Every structure is written in C-alpha cells, then in structure tokens.
Amino acid sequence: MNRICLVEDEHKVSAFIKAGLEENEYLVNVAADGARGMELIENNNYDLLILDVMLPVISGIEVCKKVRATNPNIPILMLTALGAVDDKVAGLKAGADDYLVKPFHFNELLARIEALLRRQTAVRSETEILKFADLELDTGSKTAIRAGKTITLTAKEYALLELFLRNQGKILSRQYIAERVWGIGFDTGTNTIDVYISFLRNKVEKGFDGKLIHTAIGMGYIMKQ
C-alpha cells in the first residue's frame, strides 16, 4: 500500500481526503500544520506528499522547499485556493510536481495522485543514458549531467527532460506534453506547462553554453541546437 502524508489545516477537508484515500487502499497520515508535517515527513517514508499552501507555523511552500532540499524525487501535490495564481507559481518554484485548486472533485485528486505515483514507480528494465549536446540523462538513477555538472530535478522536470530527449528535433505541442507528462487530461489553457518548462530551462541552460529547449511560436517546444 502506498503511504501518503497529507498536510492540511482545514479539518473537514483533511477528513474528506483521508477517508476517500483510505477507501482506495492508501495509508494516510495527517498533519494540521507545517511543523507537524515536517516532523512526520522526516520520521517516515512516504510515497507522496499532499501539501496545502496556506498552513499554520510553516507554510506549505516552505515545507515543499525543505523537503526538496533533501529529497528531490518524492512526488508533491500542492492544494491552492481558487484563483490564487501566485500561490500556484510559488508552489511550482518550490519544487511541487502538480497542483490542484480547491474546491475539487475527489476523483480528480485521485487521478492526479495515481498519475504521479505511476510515473514515480515506473522503472525501466535496463538503464539508458540519453544524450543531447553536452547533456546526459541516466534513466536508472534519474540523474542529469551537463558539462560534467550534476543537475537536481523534480519528478516533473525529469519527466519533461526525458520526453524532450526522446523526441529530439521534434516540435512537441502543449497537449502532447500534458498527455505524456501528466498522464491525464490537462487544461492547456493555463500556463502551468510553460512554467514547468521555464523551470527546466533555468536548470539545464543557465550557466551553460547554448540553449537546448526552444519555443516554436504557436506550436509548442522543440529540443535542438
């Protein structure tokens, strides 16, 4: 059974989520503030974290940053208030892999969780080294190296980079990226995909020679020199 840590200060919301996840055979621990959430995360092995952005004591954003400093791979889903665009962007910048806006249907939450866990647990039978220019991606250790420097990626950033490396020289539409990386229907009318790609570009291009990921105006993105 997959273990989930839910950090949510609204009791009705956390009880609703916990009950629904346990019905779907997940083990769920709940914390009502960021400090207690960090305590649980540091003392247990979880398969996924669900963090509300607005938390007492330590915010969900800060919890996300602290977790990412020591665990770059665990999937993190942020819960944000309706229309709080700044919270969404802050969560993604802190290292969250996905976000869900309140109020939401439980089936959508479940689909997001399943998609994140599928990607996390999908292990190839043999390790591959994917290369482009001076960039290498080890699919076994999920490690990226450019010009000899190791680059730490979140789960979503890794998935995006692998997708580009497997489709070098091809224009990838936002819809195609959403389907392959998120694994579910995704509202491409939002700027989430653009934000994630911006994060990825910052990590694999800033401080190095040459751009790798280019914008194809009106069509999507392409990896080329």
C-alpha atoms as a PDB file:
ATOM      1  CA  MET A   1       0.000   0.000   0.000  1.00  0.00           C
ATOM      2  CA  ASN A   2       1.252   3.467  -0.873  1.00  0.00           C
ATOM      3  CA  ARG A   3       1.802   5.841   2.043  1.00  0.00           C
ATOM      4  CA  ILE A   4       0.709   9.467   1.768  1.00  0.00           C
ATOM      5  CA  CYS A   5       1.339  12.384   4.089  1.00  0.00           C
ATOM      6  CA  LEU A   6      -1.446  14.969   3.962  1.00  0.00           C
ATOM      7  CA  VAL A   7      -0.695  18.374   5.500  1.00  0.00           C
ATOM      8  CA  GLU A   8      -3.945  20.353   5.636  1.00  0.00           C
ATOM      9  CA  ASP A   9      -5.219  22.634   8.405  1.00  0.00           C
ATOM     10  CA  GLU A  10      -8.924  22.547   7.448  1.00  0.00           C
ATOM     11  CA  HIS A  11     -10.272  19.580   9.398  1.00  0.00           C
ATOM     12  CA  LYS A  12     -13.282  18.938   7.128  1.00  0.00           C
ATOM     13  CA  VAL A  13     -11.056  18.926   4.043  1.00  0.00           C
ATOM     14  CA  SER A  14      -8.409  16.648   5.552  1.00  0.00           C
ATOM     15  CA  ALA A  15     -11.048  14.241   6.900  1.00  0.00           C
ATOM     16  CA  PHE A  16     -12.730  14.111   3.472  1.00  0.00           C
ATOM     17  CA  ILE A  17      -9.451  13.428   1.673  1.00  0.00           C
ATOM     18  CA  LYS A  18      -8.222  10.890   4.244  1.00  0.00           C
ATOM     19  CA  ALA A  19     -11.469   8.915   4.169  1.00  0.00           C
ATOM     20  CA  GLY A  20     -11.549   8.833   0.376  1.00  0.00           C
ATOM     21  CA  LEU A  21      -7.920   7.769   0.037  1.00  0.00           C
ATOM     22  CA  GLU A  22      -8.255   5.058   2.665  1.00  0.00           C
ATOM     23  CA  GLU A  23     -11.272   3.684   0.775  1.00  0.00           C
ATOM     24  CA  ASN A  24      -8.903   3.402  -2.195  1.00  0.00           C
ATOM     25  CA  GLU A  25      -6.360   1.472  -0.105  1.00  0.00           C
ATOM     26  CA  TYR A  26      -3.863   4.239   0.639  1.00  0.00           C
ATOM     27  CA  LEU A  27      -2.292   4.651   4.056  1.00  0.00           C
ATOM     28  CA  VAL A  28      -2.677   8.285   5.107  1.00  0.00           C
ATOM     29  CA  ASN A  29      -1.077  10.321   7.894  1.00  0.00           C
ATOM     30  CA  VAL A  30      -2.493  13.798   8.529  1.00  0.00           C
ATOM     31  CA  ALA A  31      -0.844  16.899   9.976  1.00  0.00           C
ATOM     32  CA  ALA A  32      -2.701  20.147  10.683  1.00  0.00           C
ATOM     33  CA  ASP A  33       0.299  22.479  10.433  1.00  0.00           C
ATOM     34  CA  GLY A  34       3.606  22.686   8.602  1.00  0.00           C
ATOM     35  CA  ALA A  35       5.783  21.944  11.631  1.00  0.00           C
ATOM     36  CA  ARG A  36       3.941  18.713  12.422  1.00  0.00           C
ATOM     37  CA  GLY A  37       4.022  17.874   8.709  1.00  0.00           C
ATOM     38  CA  MET A  38       7.816  18.209   8.633  1.00  0.00           C
ATOM     39  CA  GLU A  39       8.076  16.008  11.720  1.00  0.00           C
ATOM     40  CA  LEU A  40       6.044  13.256  10.035  1.00  0.00           C
ATOM     41  CA  ILE A  41       7.964  13.555   6.761  1.00  0.00           C
ATOM     42  CA  GLU A  42      11.349  13.392   8.485  1.00  0.00           C
ATOM     43  CA  ASN A  43      10.416  10.317  10.514  1.00  0.00           C
ATOM     44  CA  ASN A  44       8.518   8.256   7.935  1.00  0.00           C
ATOM     45  CA  ASN A  45       8.973   7.006   4.392  1.00  0.00           C
ATOM     46  CA  TYR A  46       6.155   8.328   2.206  1.00  0.00           C
ATOM     47  CA  ASP A  47       5.385   7.652  -1.442  1.00  0.00           C
ATOM     48  CA  LEU A  48       3.678  11.024  -1.984  1.00  0.00           C
ATOM     49  CA  LEU A  49       3.000  14.296  -0.170  1.00  0.00           C
ATOM     50  CA  ILE A  50      -0.122  16.478  -0.354  1.00  0.00           C
ATOM     51  CA  LEU A  51       0.516  19.985   0.974  1.00  0.00           C
ATOM     52  CA  ASP A  52      -1.906  22.858   1.383  1.00  0.00           C
ATOM     53  CA  VAL A  53      -0.241  26.170   0.509  1.00  0.00           C
ATOM     54  CA  MET A  54      -1.640  28.124   3.466  1.00  0.00           C
ATOM     55  CA  LEU A  55      -0.599  26.332   6.662  1.00  0.00           C
ATOM     56  CA  PRO A  56      -0.046  27.471  10.260  1.00  0.00           C
ATOM     57  CA  VAL A  57       3.504  27.624  11.739  1.00  0.00           C
ATOM     58  CA  ILE A  58       5.324  26.698   8.484  1.00  0.00           C
ATOM     59  CA  SER A  59       3.687  27.342   5.112  1.00  0.00           C
ATOM     60  CA  GLY A  60       3.205  24.614   2.543  1.00  0.00           C
ATOM     61  CA  ILE A  61       5.660  26.426   0.279  1.00  0.00           C
ATOM     62  CA  GLU A  62       8.379  26.299   2.928  1.00  0.00           C
ATOM     63  CA  VAL A  63       7.635  22.647   3.694  1.00  0.00           C
ATOM     64  CA  CYS A  64       7.995  21.883  -0.014  1.00  0.00           C
ATOM     65  CA  LYS A  65      11.341  23.705  -0.179  1.00  0.00           C
ATOM     66  CA  LYS A  66      12.674  21.897   2.889  1.00  0.00           C
ATOM     67  CA  VAL A  67      11.641  18.503   1.515  1.00  0.00           C
ATOM     68  CA  ARG A  68      13.150  19.220  -1.902  1.00  0.00           C
ATOM     69  CA  ALA A  69      16.478  20.118  -0.288  1.00  0.00           C
ATOM     70  CA  THR A  70      16.891  16.510   0.861  1.00  0.00           C
ATOM     71  CA  ASN A  71      14.511  14.521  -1.353  1.00  0.00           C
ATOM     72  CA  PRO A  72      14.338  15.680  -4.989  1.00  0.00           C
ATOM     73  CA  ASN A  73      12.270  12.716  -6.180  1.00  0.00           C
ATOM     74  CA  ILE A  74       9.225  12.272  -3.930  1.00  0.00           C
ATOM     75  CA  PRO A  75       6.037  13.433  -5.723  1.00  0.00           C
ATOM     76  CA  ILE A  76       4.483  16.553  -4.162  1.00  0.00           C
ATOM     77  CA  LEU A  77       0.945  17.726  -4.904  1.00  0.00           C
ATOM     78  CA  MET A  78       0.005  21.233  -3.707  1.00  0.00           C
ATOM     79  CA  LEU A  79      -3.532  22.339  -2.850  1.00  0.00           C
ATOM     80  CA  THR A  80      -4.240  26.001  -3.641  1.00  0.00           C
ATOM     81  CA  ALA A  81      -7.157  28.383  -3.204  1.00  0.00           C
ATOM     82  CA  LEU A  82      -9.358  29.210  -6.175  1.00  0.00           C
ATOM     83  CA  GLY A  83      -7.764  31.884  -8.329  1.00  0.00           C
ATOM     84  CA  ALA A  84      -4.570  32.141  -6.252  1.00  0.00           C
ATOM     85  CA  VAL A  85      -2.246  32.269  -9.250  1.00  0.00           C
ATOM     86  CA  ASP A  86       0.699  33.500  -7.191  1.00  0.00           C
ATOM     87  CA  ASP A  87       0.330  30.507  -4.862  1.00  0.00           C
ATOM     88  CA  LYS A  88       0.401  28.116  -7.816  1.00  0.00           C
ATOM     89  CA  VAL A  89       3.560  29.642  -9.236  1.00  0.00           C
ATOM     90  CA  ALA A  90       5.212  29.765  -5.798  1.00  0.00           C
ATOM     91  CA  GLY A  91       4.401  26.083  -5.272  1.00  0.00           C
ATOM     92  CA  LEU A  92       5.889  25.094  -8.609  1.00  0.00           C
ATOM     93  CA  LYS A  93       9.007  27.164  -7.957  1.00  0.00           C
ATOM     94  CA  ALA A  94       9.381  25.477  -4.564  1.00  0.00           C
ATOM     95  CA  GLY A  95       9.512  22.113  -6.304  1.00  0.00           C
ATOM     96  CA  ALA A  96       5.922  20.843  -6.378  1.00  0.00           C
ATOM     97  CA  ASP A  97       5.135  18.379  -9.166  1.00  0.00           C
ATOM     98  CA  ASP A  98       1.474  19.293  -9.566  1.00  0.00           C
ATOM     99  CA  TYR A  99      -1.258  21.404  -8.015  1.00  0.00           C
ATOM    100  CA  LEU A 100      -4.997  21.148  -7.534  1.00  0.00           C
ATOM    101  CA  VAL A 101      -7.337  24.081  -6.993  1.00  0.00           C
ATOM    102  CA  LYS A 102      -9.942  23.999  -4.220  1.00  0.00           C
ATOM    103  CA  PRO A 103     -12.739  23.079  -4.374  1.00  0.00           C
ATOM    104  CA  PHE A 104     -12.107  19.913  -6.371  1.00  0.00           C
ATOM    105  CA  HIS A 105     -13.792  16.599  -7.133  1.00  0.00           C
ATOM    106  CA  PHE A 106     -12.252  13.701  -5.256  1.00  0.00           C
ATOM    107  CA  ASN A 107     -11.935  11.681  -8.480  1.00  0.00           C
ATOM    108  CA  GLU A 108      -9.682  14.393  -9.911  1.00  0.00           C
ATOM    109  CA  LEU A 109      -7.481  14.300  -6.812  1.00  0.00           C
ATOM    110  CA  LEU A 110      -7.296  10.518  -7.101  1.00  0.00           C
ATOM    111  CA  ALA A 111      -6.366  10.724 -10.791  1.00  0.00           C
ATOM    112  CA  ARG A 112      -3.580  13.226 -10.069  1.00  0.00           C
ATOM    113  CA  ILE A 113      -2.195  11.009  -7.294  1.00  0.00           C
ATOM    114  CA  GLU A 114      -2.307   7.885  -9.454  1.00  0.00           C
ATOM    115  CA  ALA A 115      -0.561   9.684 -12.328  1.00  0.00           C
ATOM    116  CA  LEU A 116       2.238  10.922 -10.053  1.00  0.00           C
ATOM    117  CA  LEU A 117       2.729   7.504  -8.476  1.00  0.00           C
ATOM    118  CA  ARG A 118       2.734   5.712 -11.847  1.00  0.00           C
ATOM    119  CA  ARG A 119       5.494   7.932 -13.073  1.00  0.00           C
ATOM    120  CA  GLN A 120       7.448   7.581  -9.847  1.00  0.00           C
ATOM    121  CA  THR A 121       7.303   3.787  -9.762  1.00  0.00           C
ATOM    122  CA  ALA A 122       7.804   3.121 -13.475  1.00  0.00           C
ATOM    123  CA  VAL A 123      11.316   1.677 -13.639  1.00  0.00           C
ATOM    124  CA  ARG A 124      12.895   0.600 -16.889  1.00  0.00           C
ATOM    125  CA  SER A 125      14.346  -2.913 -17.051  1.00  0.00           C
ATOM    126  CA  GLU A 126      17.653  -1.505 -18.233  1.00  0.00           C
ATOM    127  CA  THR A 127      19.280   1.831 -17.544  1.00  0.00           C
ATOM    128  CA  GLU A 128      19.608   4.128 -20.539  1.00  0.00           C
ATOM    129  CA  ILE A 129      21.852   7.111 -20.987  1.00  0.00           C
ATOM    130  CA  LEU A 130      20.043   9.668 -23.131  1.00  0.00           C
ATOM    131  CA  LYS A 131      22.336  12.289 -24.685  1.00  0.00           C
ATOM    132  CA  PHE A 132      21.982  15.622 -26.433  1.00  0.00           C
ATOM    133  CA  ALA A 133      24.893  18.020 -26.953  1.00  0.00           C
ATOM    134  CA  ASP A 134      26.756  18.089 -23.602  1.00  0.00           C
ATOM    135  CA  LEU A 135      23.702  16.930 -21.631  1.00  0.00           C
ATOM    136  CA  GLU A 136      23.218  13.362 -20.366  1.00  0.00           C
ATOM    137  CA  LEU A 137      20.274  11.793 -18.551  1.00  0.00           C
ATOM    138  CA  ASP A 138      20.638   8.494 -16.684  1.00  0.00           C
ATOM    139  CA  THR A 139      17.167   6.921 -16.649  1.00  0.00           C
ATOM    140  CA  GLY A 140      18.144   4.445 -13.947  1.00  0.00           C
ATOM    141  CA  SER A 141      19.342   6.901 -11.326  1.00  0.00           C
ATOM    142  CA  LYS A 142      17.235   9.701 -12.853  1.00  0.00           C
ATOM    143  CA  THR A 143      20.291  11.923 -12.806  1.00  0.00           C
ATOM    144  CA  ALA A 144      21.014  14.719 -15.271  1.00  0.00           C
ATOM    145  CA  ILE A 145      24.542  15.926 -16.006  1.00  0.00           C
ATOM    146  CA  ARG A 146      25.536  18.809 -18.253  1.00  0.00           C
ATOM    147  CA  ALA A 147      29.160  19.694 -18.957  1.00  0.00           C
ATOM    148  CA  GLY A 148      30.157  17.492 -16.029  1.00  0.00           C
ATOM    149  CA  LYS A 149      27.825  19.220 -13.556  1.00  0.00           C
ATOM    150  CA  THR A 150      25.037  17.251 -11.847  1.00  0.00           C
ATOM    151  CA  ILE A 151      21.593  18.875 -12.072  1.00  0.00           C
ATOM    152  CA  THR A 152      18.908  18.169  -9.459  1.00  0.00           C
ATOM    153  CA  LEU A 153      15.447  17.745 -10.980  1.00  0.00           C
ATOM    154  CA  THR A 154      11.963  17.372  -9.544  1.00  0.00           C
ATOM    155  CA  ALA A 155       9.861  14.438 -10.778  1.00  0.00           C
ATOM    156  CA  LYS A 156       8.012  16.622 -13.292  1.00  0.00           C
ATOM    157  CA  GLU A 157      11.214  18.281 -14.532  1.00  0.00           C
ATOM    158  CA  TYR A 158      12.772  14.856 -15.022  1.00  0.00           C
ATOM    159  CA  ALA A 159       9.724  13.638 -16.961  1.00  0.00           C
ATOM    160  CA  LEU A 160       9.815  16.719 -19.197  1.00  0.00           C
ATOM    161  CA  LEU A 161      13.541  16.388 -19.888  1.00  0.00           C
ATOM    162  CA  GLU A 162      13.219  12.678 -20.712  1.00  0.00           C
ATOM    163  CA  LEU A 163      10.342  13.470 -23.090  1.00  0.00           C
ATOM    164  CA  PHE A 164      12.424  16.075 -24.935  1.00  0.00           C
ATOM    165  CA  LEU A 165      15.468  13.791 -25.093  1.00  0.00           C
ATOM    166  CA  ARG A 166      13.381  11.002 -26.614  1.00  0.00           C
ATOM    167  CA  ASN A 167      11.953  13.404 -29.180  1.00  0.00           C
ATOM    168  CA  GLN A 168      14.992  15.436 -30.237  1.00  0.00           C
ATOM    169  CA  GLY A 169      14.326  17.693 -33.209  1.00  0.00           C
ATOM    170  CA  LYS A 170      10.548  17.260 -32.965  1.00  0.00           C
ATOM    171  CA  ILE A 171       8.073  20.012 -32.113  1.00  0.00           C
ATOM    172  CA  LEU A 172       6.027  18.892 -29.108  1.00  0.00           C
ATOM    173  CA  SER A 173       2.652  20.582 -28.630  1.00  0.00           C
ATOM    174  CA  ARG A 174       1.446  21.555 -25.169  1.00  0.00           C
ATOM    175  CA  GLN A 175      -1.325  18.966 -25.468  1.00  0.00           C
ATOM    176  CA  TYR A 176       1.191  16.223 -26.294  1.00  0.00           C
ATOM    177  CA  ILE A 177       3.407  17.264 -23.372  1.00  0.00           C
ATOM    178  CA  ALA A 178       0.418  17.314 -20.997  1.00  0.00           C
ATOM    179  CA  GLU A 179      -0.702  13.833 -22.017  1.00  0.00           C
ATOM    180  CA  ARG A 180       2.770  12.301 -21.753  1.00  0.00           C
ATOM    181  CA  VAL A 181       3.979  14.017 -18.594  1.00  0.00           C
ATOM    182  CA  TRP A 182       0.786  14.451 -16.557  1.00  0.00           C
ATOM    183  CA  GLY A 183      -0.842  11.280 -17.850  1.00  0.00           C
ATOM    184  CA  ILE A 184      -4.374  12.718 -17.650  1.00  0.00           C
ATOM    185  CA  GLY A 185      -6.496  15.312 -19.373  1.00  0.00           C
ATOM    186  CA  PHE A 186      -4.988  18.699 -18.621  1.00  0.00           C
ATOM    187  CA  ASP A 187      -6.217  22.246 -19.164  1.00  0.00           C
ATOM    188  CA  THR A 188      -3.619  23.544 -21.609  1.00  0.00           C
ATOM    189  CA  GLY A 189      -5.296  26.948 -21.398  1.00  0.00           C
ATOM    190  CA  THR A 190      -3.324  27.509 -18.173  1.00  0.00           C
ATOM    191  CA  ASN A 191       0.341  28.457 -18.180  1.00  0.00           C
ATOM    192  CA  THR A 192       1.428  25.519 -15.994  1.00  0.00           C
ATOM    193  CA  ILE A 193       3.296  23.726 -18.772  1.00  0.00           C
ATOM    194  CA  ASP A 194       5.107  26.936 -19.714  1.00  0.00           C
ATOM    195  CA  VAL A 195       6.047  27.481 -16.066  1.00  0.00           C
ATOM    196  CA  TYR A 196       7.477  23.962 -15.706  1.00  0.00           C
ATOM    197  CA  ILE A 197       9.455  24.305 -18.932  1.00  0.00           C
ATOM    198  CA  SER A 198      10.788  27.633 -17.689  1.00  0.00           C
ATOM    199  CA  PHE A 199      11.996  25.896 -14.511  1.00  0.00           C
ATOM    200  CA  LEU A 200      13.611  23.126 -16.569  1.00  0.00           C
ATOM    201  CA  ARG A 201      15.317  25.608 -18.892  1.00  0.00           C
ATOM    202  CA  ASN A 202      16.674  27.502 -15.913  1.00  0.00           C
ATOM    203  CA  LYS A 203      18.291  24.328 -14.579  1.00  0.00           C
ATOM    204  CA  VAL A 204      19.706  22.859 -17.798  1.00  0.00           C
ATOM    205  CA  GLU A 205      20.635  26.089 -19.605  1.00  0.00           C
ATOM    206  CA  LYS A 206      21.529  28.786 -17.070  1.00  0.00           C
ATOM    207  CA  GLY A 207      25.301  28.965 -16.681  1.00  0.00           C
ATOM    208  CA  PHE A 208      25.940  26.654 -19.627  1.00  0.00           C
ATOM    209  CA  ASP A 209      26.827  27.302 -23.266  1.00  0.00           C
ATOM    210  CA  GLY A 210      23.927  27.106 -25.685  1.00  0.00           C
ATOM    211  CA  LYS A 211      20.145  26.763 -25.414  1.00  0.00           C
ATOM    212  CA  LEU A 212      18.614  23.302 -25.604  1.00  0.00           C
ATOM    213  CA  ILE A 213      14.851  23.827 -25.465  1.00  0.00           C
ATOM    214  CA  HIS A 214      13.391  26.325 -27.930  1.00  0.00           C
ATOM    215  CA  THR A 215       9.889  27.771 -28.273  1.00  0.00           C
ATOM    216  CA  ALA A 216       8.131  27.057 -31.557  1.00  0.00           C
ATOM    217  CA  ILE A 217       5.739  30.009 -31.568  1.00  0.00           C
ATOM    218  CA  GLY A 218       2.131  28.907 -31.830  1.00  0.00           C
ATOM    219  CA  MET A 219       3.099  25.220 -31.926  1.00  0.00           C
ATOM    220  CA  GLY A 220       4.929  24.187 -28.768  1.00  0.00           C
ATOM    221  CA  TYR A 221       8.530  23.391 -27.871  1.00  0.00           C
ATOM    222  CA  ILE A 222      11.492  21.656 -29.517  1.00  0.00           C
ATOM    223  CA  MET A 223      14.875  20.377 -28.353  1.00  0.00           C
ATOM    224  CA  LYS A 224      17.517  21.381 -30.866  1.00  0.00           C
ATOM    225  CA  GLN A 225      20.860  23.149 -31.110  1.00  0.00           C
END
